[in-house]
C-alpha atoms as a PDB file:
ATOM      1  CA  UNK A   1      96.628 112.402 106.151  1.00  0.00           C
ATOM      2  CA  UNK A   2      93.298 113.488 104.643  1.00  0.00           C
ATOM      3  CA  UNK A   3      90.204 113.611 106.821  1.00  0.00           C
ATOM      4  CA  UNK A   4      87.714 110.810 106.234  1.00  0.00           C
ATOM      5  CA  UNK A   5      83.933 111.026 106.078  1.00  0.00           C
ATOM      6  CA  UNK A   6      81.221 108.424 105.604  1.00  0.00           C
ATOM      7  CA  UNK A   7      81.433 109.091 101.848  1.00  0.00           C
ATOM      8  CA  UNK A   8      84.999 107.737 101.729  1.00  0.00           C
ATOM      9  CA  UNK A   9      84.230 104.025 101.977  1.00  0.00           C
ATOM     10  CA  UNK A  10      87.285 102.899  99.993  1.00  0.00           C
ATOM     11  CA  UNK A  11      89.710 105.121 101.919  1.00  0.00           C
ATOM     12  CA  UNK A  12      88.134 104.004 105.190  1.00  0.00           C
ATOM     13  CA  UNK A  13      88.567 100.361 104.148  1.00  0.00           C
ATOM     14  CA  UNK A  14      92.256 100.997 103.460  1.00  0.00           C
ATOM     15  CA  UNK A  15      92.701 102.715 106.828  1.00  0.00           C
ATOM     16  CA  UNK A  16      90.912  99.882 108.607  1.00  0.00           C
ATOM     17  CA  UNK A  17      93.099  97.311 106.898  1.00  0.00           C
ATOM     18  CA  UNK A  18      96.169  99.204 108.026  1.00  0.00           C
ATOM     19  CA  UNK A  19      94.844  99.429 111.595  1.00  0.00           C
ATOM     20  CA  UNK A  20      93.567  95.822 111.729  1.00  0.00           C
ATOM     21  CA  UNK A  21      95.595  93.802 109.201  1.00  0.00           C
ATOM     22  CA  UNK A  22      94.991  90.368 110.702  1.00  0.00           C
ATOM     23  CA  UNK A  23      91.251  90.560 111.332  1.00  0.00           C
ATOM     24  CA  UNK A  24      88.966  87.901 109.888  1.00  0.00           C
ATOM     25  CA  UNK A  25      86.593  89.980 107.814  1.00  0.00           C
ATOM     26  CA  UNK A  26      83.767  87.458 108.009  1.00  0.00           C
ATOM     27  CA  UNK A  27      83.741  87.777 111.812  1.00  0.00           C
ATOM     28  CA  UNK A  28      83.254  91.553 112.036  1.00  0.00           C
ATOM     29  CA  UNK A  29      79.914  92.829 113.273  1.00  0.00           C
ATOM     30  CA  UNK A  30      78.564  96.128 111.995  1.00  0.00           C
ATOM     31  CA  UNK A  31      78.777  97.472 115.550  1.00  0.00           C
ATOM     32  CA  UNK A  32      82.483  96.590 115.695  1.00  0.00           C
ATOM     33  CA  UNK A  33      83.069  98.085 112.266  1.00  0.00           C
ATOM     34  CA  UNK A  34      81.309 101.289 113.321  1.00  0.00           C
ATOM     35  CA  UNK A  35      83.512 101.587 116.421  1.00  0.00           C
ATOM     36  CA  UNK A  36      86.689 100.975 114.448  1.00  0.00           C
ATOM     37  CA  UNK A  37      85.722 103.614 111.878  1.00  0.00           C
ATOM     38  CA  UNK A  38      84.965 106.325 114.412  1.00  0.00           C
ATOM     39  CA  UNK A  39      88.188 105.423 116.256  1.00  0.00           C
ATOM     40  CA  UNK A  40      90.321 106.129 113.169  1.00  0.00           C
ATOM     41  CA  UNK A  41      92.567 109.138 113.850  1.00  0.00           C
ATOM     42  CA  UNK A  42      91.594 110.919 110.656  1.00  0.00           C
ATOM     43  CA  UNK A  43      87.863 110.161 110.739  1.00  0.00           C
ATOM     44  CA  UNK A  44      86.006 113.444 111.088  1.00  0.00           C
ATOM     45  CA  UNK A  45      82.344 112.868 110.272  1.00  0.00           C
ATOM     46  CA  UNK A  46      79.305 112.830 112.538  1.00  0.00           C
ATOM     47  CA  UNK A  47      78.822 109.282 113.903  1.00  0.00           C
ATOM     48  CA  UNK A  48      75.063 109.880 113.931  1.00  0.00           C
ATOM     49  CA  UNK A  49      74.975 110.085 110.130  1.00  0.00           C
ATOM     50  CA  UNK A  50      75.872 106.430 109.574  1.00  0.00           C
ATOM     51  CA  UNK A  51      73.472 103.666 108.611  1.00  0.00           C
ATOM     52  CA  UNK A  52      73.836  99.957 107.908  1.00  0.00           C
ATOM     53  CA  UNK A  53      74.143 100.546 104.158  1.00  0.00           C
ATOM     54  CA  UNK A  54      77.204 102.736 104.645  1.00  0.00           C
ATOM     55  CA  UNK A  55      78.821 100.212 106.968  1.00  0.00           C
ATOM     56  CA  UNK A  56      78.133  97.352 104.571  1.00  0.00           C
ATOM     57  CA  UNK A  57      79.647  99.401 101.729  1.00  0.00           C
ATOM     58  CA  UNK A  58      82.803  99.932 103.784  1.00  0.00           C
ATOM     59  CA  UNK A  59      83.002  96.243 104.640  1.00  0.00           C
ATOM     60  CA  UNK A  60      82.477  95.254 100.991  1.00  0.00           C
ATOM     61  CA  UNK A  61      85.285  97.590  99.907  1.00  0.00           C
ATOM     62  CA  UNK A  62      87.549  96.042 102.544  1.00  0.00           C
ATOM     63  CA  UNK A  63      86.685  92.491 101.466  1.00  0.00           C
ATOM     64  CA  UNK A  64      87.107  93.262  97.760  1.00  0.00           C
ATOM     65  CA  UNK A  65      90.469  94.956  98.255  1.00  0.00           C
ATOM     66  CA  UNK A  66      91.977  92.431 100.634  1.00  0.00           C
END
């Protein structure tokens, strides 16, 4: 399983979908999304490097894919 960083928005979206397949995507807060990302087993980036734009990109990838 490859390590994920904030630059891997599509791969993170896939991992989040696998971890949370039944979530209603329109009900996720950015804070919740952040926590889920850093809780992924293969996430290995510095949590302090994130910003809202990155989180929105991840959420958009997740919505577009699923």
